[in-house]
Amino acid sequence: MTTRIGILGYGNLGKGVEKAVNAAPDMELVGIFSRRNPADVKTVSGAKVYSANDLDNMTDDIDVLILCGGSATDLPVMTPKYAAKFNVVDSFDTHAKVPEHFANVDKAAKEANKIAVISTGWDPGMFSLNRLYAHSILPDGKDYTFWGRGVSQGHSDAIRRIEGVVDARQYTVPVPAALEAVRNGENPELTTRQKHTRECYVVAEEGADLARIEKEIKEMPNYFSDYDTTVTFITEEELLANHAGLPHGGSVIYSGQSADGSSKHVIEYSLKLDSNPEFTGSILTAFARAAAKLNAEGANGCKTAFDIAPAYLSPLSGEEIRHQYL
């Protein structure tokens, strides 16, 4: 079956989803939906652009709506709103608020007899699956998650909000010694500062107080104050030449032991991504396929990556999957 996809939001993530949908053999991109003036939005693939307000009249034209808004203010409102009309998928990534978000979305989706898949991506999402698999297989153990080396878009935005900053990129970097100790099965107790450092590359306005900007960055609560942070001031040309991409990645490492404690085991799942939004967009697209399949079977309500069997993510038949991958 062909799954008809709508994309709401056309930033970096929306563009990543657009590429993944257009490459999928079993999907059709109905259009991009934007809160901006559609005439001002130029798509990579030439896909038609609609106003977000047009969604109210297109419930029969879209099988799954992929939501590409931000987790801070967009998705807590968007996902339950649109789950009342469409099967939806989002990438909500505020870990502490997932239970609240799940409850709100589940209510809306069940009342509408729709499927809503939340918190898909690589963390939460693929990393979450690997944490759960490891804890289920080896209950007596400990998981560690390292992010990077990669660009944190949220932290970069936080720097850009400081007075006197023109542009910035922030890289999250695992501490090599901590990573090595975990991979060796030493099960270290690590503080936030011991796990990651933060590298900031900043373009400042001409004549700006660089010492003040650096101090504000390093003392920023919830972003930098708990980390060893370096700030390097560069030109706009250097930023565009050396820091234009959005790479990321990381590892989930689980260190456990067998039931009687006689053997140690280390499980690791790692990613190295040239483009964070393109990879995340590919994950959202695969889970959109699953949402369509589940709803066609009569399922409804909110789901996470934990609730969806891997076969639902693939365009292949069960027979093909068993033959090729099992």
Protein backbone atom coordinates (compact mmCIF):
# COMPACT_ATOMS: atom_id res chain seq x y z
CA MET A 1 0.00 0.00 0.00
CA THR A 2 1.07 3.59 -0.60
CA THR A 3 1.15 5.78 2.51
CA ARG A 4 0.24 9.40 1.87
CA ILE A 5 2.40 11.72 3.98
CA GLY A 6 2.01 15.32 5.06
CA ILE A 7 4.87 17.26 6.69
CA LEU A 8 4.06 20.05 9.15
CA GLY A 9 7.03 22.38 9.59
CA TYR A 10 9.84 23.03 7.14
CA GLY A 11 13.04 23.67 9.03
CA ASN A 12 16.06 21.36 8.97
CA LEU A 13 14.03 18.40 10.25
CA GLY A 14 11.19 18.95 7.77
CA LYS A 15 13.70 18.96 4.91
CA GLY A 16 15.20 15.71 6.24
CA VAL A 17 11.76 14.08 6.30
CA GLU A 18 11.05 15.36 2.78
CA LYS A 19 14.14 13.57 1.44
CA ALA A 20 13.30 10.33 3.25
CA VAL A 21 9.66 10.27 2.11
CA ASN A 22 10.57 10.96 -1.51
CA ALA A 23 13.10 8.10 -1.41
CA ALA A 24 10.61 5.61 0.06
CA PRO A 25 9.12 3.17 -2.48
CA ASP A 26 5.80 2.93 -0.64
CA MET A 27 5.16 6.59 0.19
CA GLU A 28 3.71 9.65 -1.50
CA LEU A 29 4.37 13.19 -0.28
CA VAL A 30 1.07 15.06 -0.36
CA GLY A 31 2.66 18.34 0.63
CA ILE A 32 4.49 20.56 3.09
CA PHE A 33 2.37 22.51 5.58
CA SER A 34 3.79 25.71 7.03
CA ARG A 35 2.79 28.45 9.44
CA ARG A 36 4.63 30.84 7.14
CA ASN A 37 3.19 32.24 3.93
CA PRO A 38 3.30 29.26 1.50
CA ALA A 39 4.47 31.57 -1.29
CA ASP A 40 7.64 32.28 0.72
CA VAL A 41 8.57 28.61 1.24
CA LYS A 42 10.70 26.98 -1.47
CA THR A 43 11.02 23.22 -1.09
CA VAL A 44 14.03 21.10 -1.99
CA SER A 45 12.01 18.65 -4.08
CA GLY A 46 9.47 21.05 -5.51
CA ALA A 47 6.75 19.61 -3.27
CA LYS A 48 3.58 21.66 -2.99
CA VAL A 49 3.40 23.98 0.02
CA TYR A 50 0.16 24.62 1.88
CA SER A 51 -0.80 26.80 4.80
CA ALA A 52 -1.03 24.89 8.08
CA ASN A 53 -4.64 26.09 8.19
CA ASP A 54 -5.41 23.92 5.14
CA LEU A 55 -4.94 20.76 7.20
CA ASP A 56 -8.47 21.06 8.57
CA ASN A 57 -9.81 20.32 5.07
CA MET A 58 -7.38 17.51 4.18
CA THR A 59 -8.11 14.77 6.69
CA ASP A 60 -9.11 12.41 3.85
CA ASP A 61 -5.97 13.13 1.80
CA ILE A 62 -3.27 12.28 4.36
CA ASP A 63 -2.60 8.91 6.00
CA VAL A 64 0.11 10.14 8.38
CA LEU A 65 1.09 13.69 9.33
CA ILE A 66 4.73 14.03 10.42
CA LEU A 67 5.18 16.87 12.90
CA CYS A 68 8.50 18.72 12.64
CA GLY A 69 8.07 21.38 15.32
CA GLY A 70 10.20 21.95 18.39
CA SER A 71 9.76 20.17 21.71
CA ALA A 72 9.78 23.27 23.92
CA THR A 73 6.57 24.95 22.75
CA ASP A 74 5.37 23.43 19.45
CA LEU A 75 4.86 19.71 19.98
CA PRO A 76 3.11 19.82 23.39
CA VAL A 77 0.31 21.71 21.60
CA MET A 78 0.61 20.36 18.04
CA THR A 79 0.69 16.63 18.69
CA PRO A 80 -2.54 16.28 20.69
CA LYS A 81 -4.23 18.83 18.39
CA TYR A 82 -3.45 16.93 15.21
CA ALA A 83 -3.78 13.46 16.76
CA ALA A 84 -7.48 14.33 17.03
CA LYS A 85 -7.65 14.37 13.21
CA PHE A 86 -4.70 12.40 11.75
CA ASN A 87 -2.33 9.57 12.46
CA VAL A 88 0.76 11.50 13.58
CA VAL A 89 4.45 11.05 14.37
CA ASP A 90 6.63 13.46 16.37
CA SER A 91 10.17 13.71 17.74
CA PHE A 92 9.35 15.11 21.20
CA ASP A 93 12.67 14.92 23.08
CA THR A 94 12.17 16.48 26.51
CA HIS A 95 12.78 13.24 28.41
CA ALA A 96 11.36 14.39 31.75
CA LYS A 97 8.06 15.45 30.17
CA VAL A 98 7.44 12.33 28.04
CA PRO A 99 4.87 10.81 30.48
CA GLU A 100 2.80 14.01 30.47
CA HIS A 101 3.05 14.36 26.69
CA PHE A 102 2.11 10.68 26.22
CA ALA A 103 -1.02 11.05 28.36
CA ASN A 104 -2.23 14.15 26.49
CA VAL A 105 -1.63 12.61 23.07
CA ASP A 106 -3.04 9.20 24.01
CA LYS A 107 -6.37 10.74 25.04
CA ALA A 108 -6.72 12.66 21.77
CA ALA A 109 -5.68 9.75 19.55
CA LYS A 110 -7.97 7.22 21.24
CA GLU A 111 -10.98 9.52 20.99
CA ALA A 112 -10.29 9.95 17.25
CA ASN A 113 -9.40 6.27 16.67
CA LYS A 114 -5.98 7.34 15.38
CA ILE A 115 -2.37 6.27 16.02
CA ALA A 116 0.14 8.78 17.39
CA VAL A 117 3.80 7.82 17.67
CA ILE A 118 5.80 10.18 19.89
CA SER A 119 9.46 10.68 20.79
CA THR A 120 10.93 9.04 17.70
CA GLY A 121 14.45 9.90 16.64
CA TRP A 122 17.78 8.63 17.86
CA ASP A 123 17.53 9.88 21.45
CA PRO A 124 14.81 9.39 22.47
CA GLY A 125 14.09 6.63 19.99
CA MET A 126 16.83 4.30 18.79
CA PHE A 127 18.98 4.90 21.88
CA SER A 128 15.94 4.27 24.09
CA LEU A 129 15.37 0.89 22.43
CA ASN A 130 18.95 -0.14 23.04
CA ARG A 131 18.79 0.87 26.69
CA LEU A 132 15.63 -1.21 27.15
CA TYR A 133 16.99 -4.24 25.27
CA ALA A 134 20.15 -4.23 27.39
CA HIS A 135 18.35 -3.85 30.74
CA SER A 136 15.91 -6.61 29.78
CA ILE A 137 18.63 -9.06 28.76
CA LEU A 138 21.07 -8.27 31.60
CA PRO A 139 19.05 -6.91 34.54
CA ASP A 140 22.11 -6.47 36.77
CA GLY A 141 23.98 -3.71 35.00
CA LYS A 142 24.27 -0.02 34.19
CA ASP A 143 23.75 2.04 31.05
CA TYR A 144 25.74 5.08 29.93
CA THR A 145 24.78 7.47 27.14
CA PHE A 146 27.38 9.64 25.42
CA TRP A 147 26.42 12.28 22.85
CA GLY A 148 28.76 13.62 20.20
CA ARG A 149 31.07 14.78 18.92
CA GLY A 150 28.34 16.83 17.30
CA VAL A 151 26.49 20.11 16.99
CA SER A 152 23.81 20.75 19.60
CA GLN A 153 21.25 22.98 17.90
CA GLY A 154 19.60 23.93 21.20
CA HIS A 155 22.86 24.97 22.84
CA SER A 156 23.94 26.86 19.70
CA ASP A 157 20.64 28.77 19.78
CA ALA A 158 21.17 29.59 23.46
CA ILE A 159 24.51 31.23 22.65
CA ARG A 160 23.00 33.19 19.77
CA ARG A 161 20.54 34.80 22.20
CA ILE A 162 23.39 36.49 24.12
CA GLU A 163 23.79 40.19 23.40
CA GLY A 164 26.64 40.83 20.98
CA VAL A 165 26.59 37.36 19.36
CA VAL A 166 26.00 37.18 15.60
CA ASP A 167 26.18 33.39 15.20
CA ALA A 168 27.50 30.33 17.02
CA ARG A 169 27.99 26.57 16.92
CA GLN A 170 28.27 24.41 20.03
CA TYR A 171 29.78 20.93 19.93
CA THR A 172 29.05 18.33 22.60
CA VAL A 173 32.14 16.14 23.06
CA PRO A 174 32.46 12.93 25.13
CA VAL A 175 35.42 12.83 27.53
CA PRO A 176 37.76 10.12 26.13
CA ALA A 177 38.80 8.76 29.55
CA ALA A 178 35.18 8.33 30.64
CA LEU A 179 34.28 6.60 27.37
CA GLU A 180 37.25 4.22 27.70
CA ALA A 181 36.42 3.31 31.31
CA VAL A 182 32.84 2.45 30.37
CA ARG A 183 33.90 0.38 27.37
CA ASN A 184 36.30 -1.52 29.62
CA GLY A 185 33.41 -2.55 31.84
CA GLU A 186 34.66 -0.60 34.87
CA ASN A 187 31.16 0.78 35.68
CA PRO A 188 32.46 4.19 36.84
CA GLU A 189 30.29 6.71 38.68
CA LEU A 190 30.45 9.76 36.43
CA THR A 191 29.27 13.32 37.05
CA THR A 192 27.87 15.44 34.23
CA ARG A 193 31.21 17.28 34.00
CA GLN A 194 33.16 14.03 33.77
CA LYS A 195 31.14 12.69 30.81
CA HIS A 196 31.09 15.56 28.30
CA THR A 197 32.80 18.84 27.47
CA ARG A 198 31.35 21.67 25.38
CA GLU A 199 33.19 23.53 22.60
CA CYS A 200 31.74 26.85 21.48
CA TYR A 201 32.66 28.70 18.29
CA VAL A 202 31.28 32.22 18.38
CA VAL A 203 31.01 35.08 15.88
CA ALA A 204 30.71 38.35 17.82
CA GLU A 205 29.60 41.78 16.72
CA GLU A 206 32.41 44.19 16.00
CA GLY A 207 33.40 45.92 19.22
CA ALA A 208 31.45 43.50 21.44
CA ASP A 209 32.76 42.72 24.93
CA LEU A 210 34.26 39.26 24.33
CA ALA A 211 35.09 38.67 28.00
CA ARG A 212 31.46 39.31 28.98
CA ILE A 213 30.14 36.99 26.25
CA GLU A 214 32.49 34.19 27.29
CA LYS A 215 31.51 34.63 30.96
CA GLU A 216 27.79 34.54 30.11
CA ILE A 217 28.24 31.35 28.12
CA LYS A 218 30.26 29.52 30.75
CA GLU A 219 27.90 30.50 33.57
CA MET A 220 24.64 29.78 31.72
CA PRO A 221 22.53 27.44 33.91
CA ASN A 222 21.07 24.24 32.38
CA TYR A 223 23.38 24.62 29.37
CA PHE A 224 27.04 25.23 30.25
CA SER A 225 27.56 25.82 33.97
CA ASP A 226 27.86 22.09 34.75
CA TYR A 227 30.44 21.43 32.02
CA ASP A 228 34.04 22.28 31.20
CA THR A 229 33.41 24.72 28.37
CA THR A 230 35.80 26.35 25.90
CA VAL A 231 34.85 29.45 23.90
CA THR A 232 36.67 30.33 20.67
CA PHE A 233 35.85 33.53 18.79
CA ILE A 234 36.03 33.22 15.01
CA THR A 235 34.98 35.18 11.93
CA GLU A 236 31.71 34.62 10.08
CA GLU A 237 33.73 33.31 7.12
CA GLU A 238 35.44 30.73 9.34
CA LEU A 239 32.08 29.61 10.74
CA LEU A 240 30.62 29.09 7.27
CA ALA A 241 33.75 27.34 6.01
CA ASN A 242 34.35 25.02 8.97
CA HIS A 243 31.09 24.70 10.90
CA ALA A 244 28.24 24.85 8.37
CA GLY A 245 27.08 21.25 8.78
CA LEU A 246 24.99 19.61 11.49
CA PRO A 247 26.88 16.39 12.33
CA HIS A 248 26.12 14.44 15.49
CA GLY A 249 26.09 10.96 16.97
CA GLY A 250 26.93 9.13 20.13
CA SER A 251 26.82 5.81 21.93
CA VAL A 252 24.67 3.86 24.34
CA ILE A 253 26.91 1.51 26.31
CA TYR A 254 25.58 -1.04 28.79
CA SER A 255 27.84 -2.88 31.18
CA GLY A 256 26.31 -5.90 32.88
CA GLN A 257 26.91 -9.44 33.97
CA SER A 258 25.33 -12.85 33.54
CA ALA A 259 22.80 -14.17 36.06
CA ASP A 260 25.30 -15.78 38.43
CA GLY A 261 27.84 -12.94 38.14
CA SER A 262 30.51 -15.15 36.59
CA SER A 263 30.79 -13.25 33.29
CA LYS A 264 30.88 -9.58 32.34
CA HIS A 265 29.22 -8.28 29.17
CA VAL A 266 29.37 -4.90 27.40
CA ILE A 267 26.73 -3.94 24.82
CA GLU A 268 27.28 -0.89 22.61
CA TYR A 269 25.18 0.87 19.98
CA SER A 270 26.84 3.82 18.24
CA LEU A 271 25.97 6.42 15.63
CA LYS A 272 28.15 8.74 13.58
CA LEU A 273 25.94 11.13 11.63
CA ASP A 274 26.91 13.58 8.90
CA SER A 275 23.48 15.21 9.28
CA ASN A 276 21.49 14.99 12.48
CA PRO A 277 18.21 16.30 10.93
CA GLU A 278 18.43 14.02 7.88
CA PHE A 279 18.98 10.93 10.03
CA THR A 280 16.21 11.93 12.45
CA GLY A 281 13.93 12.58 9.47
CA SER A 282 14.58 9.07 8.21
CA ILE A 283 13.57 7.62 11.58
CA LEU A 284 10.36 9.67 11.67
CA THR A 285 9.53 8.42 8.18
CA ALA A 286 9.98 4.76 9.13
CA PHE A 287 7.72 5.21 12.15
CA ALA A 288 5.13 6.93 9.94
CA ARG A 289 4.99 3.71 7.94
CA ALA A 290 4.41 1.80 11.17
CA ALA A 291 1.66 4.22 12.24
CA ALA A 292 -0.22 3.67 8.98
CA LYS A 293 0.06 -0.12 9.26
CA LEU A 294 -1.09 -0.18 12.87
CA ASN A 295 -4.07 2.07 12.24
CA ALA A 296 -5.07 -0.03 9.22
CA GLU A 297 -5.16 -3.02 11.59
CA GLY A 298 -7.54 -1.15 13.88
CA ALA A 299 -5.09 -0.01 16.58
CA ASN A 300 -5.34 3.44 18.14
CA GLY A 301 -3.81 5.58 20.87
CA CYS A 302 -0.31 6.82 21.60
CA LYS A 303 2.75 4.63 20.99
CA THR A 304 6.49 4.97 21.49
CA ALA A 305 9.39 3.10 19.93
CA PHE A 306 8.97 0.52 22.73
CA ASP A 307 5.51 -0.47 21.51
CA ILE A 308 6.19 -1.03 17.81
CA ALA A 309 7.62 -4.27 16.40
CA PRO A 310 10.55 -3.73 14.00
CA ALA A 311 8.71 -5.37 11.09
CA TYR A 312 6.26 -2.47 11.03
CA LEU A 313 9.09 -0.07 10.16
CA SER A 314 10.03 -1.85 6.94
CA PRO A 315 8.38 -1.63 3.50
CA LEU A 316 9.22 -5.33 2.99
CA SER A 317 6.85 -8.21 3.67
CA GLY A 318 7.34 -10.47 6.66
CA GLU A 319 8.62 -13.22 4.38
CA GLU A 320 11.17 -10.87 2.78
CA ILE A 321 12.36 -9.60 6.16
CA ARG A 322 12.88 -13.13 7.52
CA HIS A 323 14.72 -14.18 4.38
CA GLN A 324 17.01 -11.15 4.19
CA TYR A 325 17.71 -10.17 7.79
CA LEU A 326 16.94 -13.00 10.20
